[in-house]
Amino acid sequence: MEKSKLIKQIIQLQQQLGHAMRQYAPGAWLDLDLTIGQLKSLFFIDFEGSTNFKRLANALRVTPPNVTGIIDHLVEQGLVSREENPENRRMLLLKTTDRGKALVSKLRASVISRISDILTQLTSEELSALAQGLTALTRAAEHNKEKDKDEHNRS
């Protein structure tokens, strides 16, 4: 099969996989009392370790005042804290609390558990082929990331 048709088939299969995974929506996600914006913010803050309103707003592609309500809700739920920045007292740092970290871990674990359940249905040969394919895909993605970083540094 020619390369462009294989790429199209892989994209279609990935979409089918995404659809099949969503039909088994884990309870951990359904029980959340968070909007998509709040969830995105929580994951961004957790990934960054700490951030400020401006960086979060840029990541969400909104203005800093739009982030205030999102953060207020996350602080009220005990998932995020606002702390004074020791380097700039006018700037608040946003950090994931222990409760927020636990929630992020629980959500990630629910996805990993679901994928593990599905993978156990594959044969060793299928798992080996999948691992080989994902290794190649990861290598290409890492190469692309480095290429993008080099282009960004040149501009």
C-alpha atoms as a PDB file:
ATOM      1  CA  MET A   1       0.000   0.000   0.000  1.00  0.00           C
ATOM      2  CA  GLU A   2       1.365   3.458  -0.821  1.00  0.00           C
ATOM      3  CA  LYS A   3       2.556   5.728   1.977  1.00  0.00           C
ATOM      4  CA  SER A   4      -0.229   8.356   1.726  1.00  0.00           C
ATOM      5  CA  LYS A   5      -2.933   5.674   1.944  1.00  0.00           C
ATOM      6  CA  LEU A   6      -1.228   4.102   4.962  1.00  0.00           C
ATOM      7  CA  ILE A   7      -1.066   7.487   6.684  1.00  0.00           C
ATOM      8  CA  LYS A   8      -4.764   8.054   6.002  1.00  0.00           C
ATOM      9  CA  GLN A   9      -5.588   4.566   7.346  1.00  0.00           C
ATOM     10  CA  ILE A  10      -3.532   5.158  10.519  1.00  0.00           C
ATOM     11  CA  ILE A  11      -5.300   8.471  11.169  1.00  0.00           C
ATOM     12  CA  GLN A  12      -8.693   6.814  10.702  1.00  0.00           C
ATOM     13  CA  LEU A  13      -7.716   3.991  13.055  1.00  0.00           C
ATOM     14  CA  GLN A  14      -6.535   6.498  15.673  1.00  0.00           C
ATOM     15  CA  GLN A  15      -9.901   8.268  15.431  1.00  0.00           C
ATOM     16  CA  GLN A  16     -11.736   4.951  15.811  1.00  0.00           C
ATOM     17  CA  LEU A  17      -9.587   4.114  18.836  1.00  0.00           C
ATOM     18  CA  GLY A  18     -10.397   7.496  20.387  1.00  0.00           C
ATOM     19  CA  HIS A  19     -14.104   6.883  19.834  1.00  0.00           C
ATOM     20  CA  ALA A  20     -13.928   3.375  21.315  1.00  0.00           C
ATOM     21  CA  MET A  21     -12.032   4.680  24.371  1.00  0.00           C
ATOM     22  CA  ARG A  22     -14.646   7.401  24.997  1.00  0.00           C
ATOM     23  CA  GLN A  23     -17.495   4.913  25.137  1.00  0.00           C
ATOM     24  CA  TYR A  24     -15.936   3.591  28.340  1.00  0.00           C
ATOM     25  CA  ALA A  25     -15.698   6.979  30.066  1.00  0.00           C
ATOM     26  CA  PRO A  26     -14.147   6.318  33.464  1.00  0.00           C
ATOM     27  CA  GLY A  27     -16.066   7.439  36.506  1.00  0.00           C
ATOM     28  CA  ALA A  28     -13.116   9.519  37.714  1.00  0.00           C
ATOM     29  CA  TRP A  29     -13.653  11.901  34.799  1.00  0.00           C
ATOM     30  CA  LEU A  30     -17.453  11.929  34.984  1.00  0.00           C
ATOM     31  CA  ASP A  31     -17.424  12.757  38.693  1.00  0.00           C
ATOM     32  CA  LEU A  32     -15.467  15.979  38.155  1.00  0.00           C
ATOM     33  CA  ASP A  33     -17.009  19.285  39.152  1.00  0.00           C
ATOM     34  CA  LEU A  34     -14.731  21.187  36.767  1.00  0.00           C
ATOM     35  CA  THR A  35     -15.236  22.915  33.446  1.00  0.00           C
ATOM     36  CA  ILE A  36     -12.945  22.120  30.530  1.00  0.00           C
ATOM     37  CA  GLY A  37     -11.119  25.429  31.101  1.00  0.00           C
ATOM     38  CA  GLN A  38     -10.577  24.592  34.765  1.00  0.00           C
ATOM     39  CA  LEU A  39      -9.350  21.107  33.906  1.00  0.00           C
ATOM     40  CA  LYS A  40      -6.976  22.438  31.241  1.00  0.00           C
ATOM     41  CA  SER A  41      -5.678  24.991  33.739  1.00  0.00           C
ATOM     42  CA  LEU A  42      -5.143  22.363  36.423  1.00  0.00           C
ATOM     43  CA  PHE A  43      -3.182  20.123  34.066  1.00  0.00           C
ATOM     44  CA  PHE A  44      -1.129  23.068  32.735  1.00  0.00           C
ATOM     45  CA  ILE A  45      -0.250  24.300  36.213  1.00  0.00           C
ATOM     46  CA  ASP A  46       0.640  20.782  37.320  1.00  0.00           C
ATOM     47  CA  PHE A  47       2.803  20.220  34.235  1.00  0.00           C
ATOM     48  CA  GLU A  48       4.626  23.523  34.710  1.00  0.00           C
ATOM     49  CA  GLY A  49       5.156  23.022  38.449  1.00  0.00           C
ATOM     50  CA  SER A  50       4.260  26.670  38.966  1.00  0.00           C
ATOM     51  CA  THR A  51       3.139  29.428  36.639  1.00  0.00           C
ATOM     52  CA  ASN A  52       1.598  32.875  36.686  1.00  0.00           C
ATOM     53  CA  PHE A  53      -1.669  34.282  35.386  1.00  0.00           C
ATOM     54  CA  LYS A  54      -0.084  35.660  32.190  1.00  0.00           C
ATOM     55  CA  ARG A  55       1.565  32.365  31.156  1.00  0.00           C
ATOM     56  CA  LEU A  56      -1.620  30.439  31.928  1.00  0.00           C
ATOM     57  CA  ALA A  57      -3.698  32.929  29.950  1.00  0.00           C
ATOM     58  CA  ASN A  58      -1.296  32.612  26.991  1.00  0.00           C
ATOM     59  CA  ALA A  59      -1.516  28.821  27.147  1.00  0.00           C
ATOM     60  CA  LEU A  60      -5.330  28.969  27.172  1.00  0.00           C
ATOM     61  CA  ARG A  61      -5.330  31.748  24.536  1.00  0.00           C
ATOM     62  CA  VAL A  62      -7.372  34.108  26.698  1.00  0.00           C
ATOM     63  CA  THR A  63      -6.638  37.338  28.548  1.00  0.00           C
ATOM     64  CA  PRO A  64      -5.318  37.240  32.142  1.00  0.00           C
ATOM     65  CA  PRO A  65      -8.596  38.645  33.567  1.00  0.00           C
ATOM     66  CA  ASN A  66     -10.447  35.690  31.987  1.00  0.00           C
ATOM     67  CA  VAL A  67      -8.251  33.324  34.014  1.00  0.00           C
ATOM     68  CA  THR A  68      -9.249  34.873  37.348  1.00  0.00           C
ATOM     69  CA  GLY A  69     -12.605  33.082  37.600  1.00  0.00           C
ATOM     70  CA  ILE A  70     -11.051  29.779  36.599  1.00  0.00           C
ATOM     71  CA  ILE A  71      -8.362  30.098  39.256  1.00  0.00           C
ATOM     72  CA  ASP A  72     -10.850  31.285  41.887  1.00  0.00           C
ATOM     73  CA  HIS A  73     -12.827  28.047  41.418  1.00  0.00           C
ATOM     74  CA  LEU A  74      -9.703  25.861  41.527  1.00  0.00           C
ATOM     75  CA  VAL A  75      -8.529  27.628  44.711  1.00  0.00           C
ATOM     76  CA  GLU A  76     -11.997  27.229  46.308  1.00  0.00           C
ATOM     77  CA  GLN A  77     -11.834  23.493  45.594  1.00  0.00           C
ATOM     78  CA  GLY A  78      -8.358  23.291  47.119  1.00  0.00           C
ATOM     79  CA  LEU A  79      -6.747  22.147  43.863  1.00  0.00           C
ATOM     80  CA  VAL A  80      -4.525  25.190  43.208  1.00  0.00           C
ATOM     81  CA  SER A  81      -2.835  27.738  45.450  1.00  0.00           C
ATOM     82  CA  ARG A  82      -1.855  31.342  44.830  1.00  0.00           C
ATOM     83  CA  GLU A  83       1.527  32.198  46.319  1.00  0.00           C
ATOM     84  CA  GLU A  84       3.619  35.318  46.371  1.00  0.00           C
ATOM     85  CA  ASN A  85       6.528  35.195  43.925  1.00  0.00           C
ATOM     86  CA  PRO A  86       9.739  35.777  45.907  1.00  0.00           C
ATOM     87  CA  GLU A  87      11.365  37.301  42.803  1.00  0.00           C
ATOM     88  CA  ASN A  88       8.504  39.691  42.013  1.00  0.00           C
ATOM     89  CA  ARG A  89       6.067  40.487  44.822  1.00  0.00           C
ATOM     90  CA  ARG A  90       3.512  41.920  42.377  1.00  0.00           C
ATOM     91  CA  MET A  91       3.230  38.587  40.567  1.00  0.00           C
ATOM     92  CA  LEU A  92       1.347  35.638  42.058  1.00  0.00           C
ATOM     93  CA  LEU A  93       2.511  32.102  41.382  1.00  0.00           C
ATOM     94  CA  LEU A  94      -0.050  29.387  40.769  1.00  0.00           C
ATOM     95  CA  LYS A  95       0.805  25.921  42.067  1.00  0.00           C
ATOM     96  CA  THR A  96      -1.011  22.620  42.240  1.00  0.00           C
ATOM     97  CA  THR A  97      -1.818  21.656  45.829  1.00  0.00           C
ATOM     98  CA  ASP A  98      -1.409  18.114  47.148  1.00  0.00           C
ATOM     99  CA  ARG A  99      -5.130  17.622  46.568  1.00  0.00           C
ATOM    100  CA  GLY A 100      -4.756  18.893  42.983  1.00  0.00           C
ATOM    101  CA  LYS A 101      -1.777  16.619  42.359  1.00  0.00           C
ATOM    102  CA  ALA A 102      -3.768  13.665  43.701  1.00  0.00           C
ATOM    103  CA  LEU A 103      -6.658  14.449  41.338  1.00  0.00           C
ATOM    104  CA  VAL A 104      -4.349  14.747  38.314  1.00  0.00           C
ATOM    105  CA  SER A 105      -2.701  11.432  39.262  1.00  0.00           C
ATOM    106  CA  LYS A 106      -6.092   9.758  39.683  1.00  0.00           C
ATOM    107  CA  LEU A 107      -7.246  10.958  36.256  1.00  0.00           C
ATOM    108  CA  ARG A 108      -4.040   9.825  34.567  1.00  0.00           C
ATOM    109  CA  ALA A 109      -4.225   6.468  36.342  1.00  0.00           C
ATOM    110  CA  SER A 110      -7.785   5.917  35.105  1.00  0.00           C
ATOM    111  CA  VAL A 111      -6.619   6.367  31.495  1.00  0.00           C
ATOM    112  CA  ILE A 112      -3.609   4.087  32.002  1.00  0.00           C
ATOM    113  CA  SER A 113      -5.833   1.454  33.601  1.00  0.00           C
ATOM    114  CA  ARG A 114      -8.251   1.538  30.668  1.00  0.00           C
ATOM    115  CA  ILE A 115      -5.439   1.260  28.111  1.00  0.00           C
ATOM    116  CA  SER A 116      -3.874  -1.591  30.083  1.00  0.00           C
ATOM    117  CA  ASP A 117      -7.183  -3.465  30.103  1.00  0.00           C
ATOM    118  CA  ILE A 118      -7.426  -3.119  26.323  1.00  0.00           C
ATOM    119  CA  LEU A 119      -3.776  -4.093  25.740  1.00  0.00           C
ATOM    120  CA  THR A 120      -4.215  -7.348  27.690  1.00  0.00           C
ATOM    121  CA  GLN A 121      -6.562  -8.488  24.913  1.00  0.00           C
ATOM    122  CA  LEU A 122      -3.721  -8.421  22.353  1.00  0.00           C
ATOM    123  CA  THR A 123      -1.377 -11.295  21.601  1.00  0.00           C
ATOM    124  CA  SER A 124       2.355 -11.016  22.335  1.00  0.00           C
ATOM    125  CA  GLU A 125       2.991 -10.633  18.596  1.00  0.00           C
ATOM    126  CA  GLU A 126       0.443  -7.812  18.326  1.00  0.00           C
ATOM    127  CA  LEU A 127       1.917  -6.094  21.387  1.00  0.00           C
ATOM    128  CA  SER A 128       5.410  -6.375  19.909  1.00  0.00           C
ATOM    129  CA  ALA A 129       4.281  -4.886  16.594  1.00  0.00           C
ATOM    130  CA  LEU A 130       2.437  -2.087  18.413  1.00  0.00           C
ATOM    131  CA  ALA A 131       5.494  -1.328  20.559  1.00  0.00           C
ATOM    132  CA  GLN A 132       7.670  -1.201  17.458  1.00  0.00           C
ATOM    133  CA  GLY A 133       5.246   1.133  15.697  1.00  0.00           C
ATOM    134  CA  LEU A 134       4.843   3.424  18.713  1.00  0.00           C
ATOM    135  CA  THR A 135       8.632   3.530  19.154  1.00  0.00           C
ATOM    136  CA  ALA A 136       9.017   4.708  15.548  1.00  0.00           C
ATOM    137  CA  LEU A 137       6.206   7.241  15.966  1.00  0.00           C
ATOM    138  CA  THR A 138       7.758   8.589  19.176  1.00  0.00           C
ATOM    139  CA  ARG A 139      11.163   8.875  17.513  1.00  0.00           C
ATOM    140  CA  ALA A 140       9.637  10.842  14.607  1.00  0.00           C
ATOM    141  CA  ALA A 141       7.709  13.091  17.009  1.00  0.00           C
ATOM    142  CA  GLU A 142      10.887  13.789  19.036  1.00  0.00           C
ATOM    143  CA  HIS A 143      12.765  14.605  15.824  1.00  0.00           C
ATOM    144  CA  ASN A 144       9.956  16.952  14.795  1.00  0.00           C
ATOM    145  CA  LYS A 145       9.999  18.615  18.230  1.00  0.00           C
ATOM    146  CA  GLU A 146      13.751  19.269  17.948  1.00  0.00           C
ATOM    147  CA  LYS A 147      13.310  20.599  14.406  1.00  0.00           C
ATOM    148  CA  ASP A 148      10.538  22.957  15.596  1.00  0.00           C
ATOM    149  CA  LYS A 149      12.727  24.122  18.507  1.00  0.00           C
ATOM    150  CA  ASP A 150      15.641  24.853  16.137  1.00  0.00           C
ATOM    151  CA  GLU A 151      13.367  26.816  13.783  1.00  0.00           C
ATOM    152  CA  HIS A 152      11.944  28.786  16.732  1.00  0.00           C
ATOM    153  CA  ASN A 153      15.467  29.644  17.974  1.00  0.00           C
ATOM    154  CA  ARG A 154      16.475  30.907  14.499  1.00  0.00           C
ATOM    155  CA  SER A 155      13.526  33.309  14.250  1.00  0.00           C
END
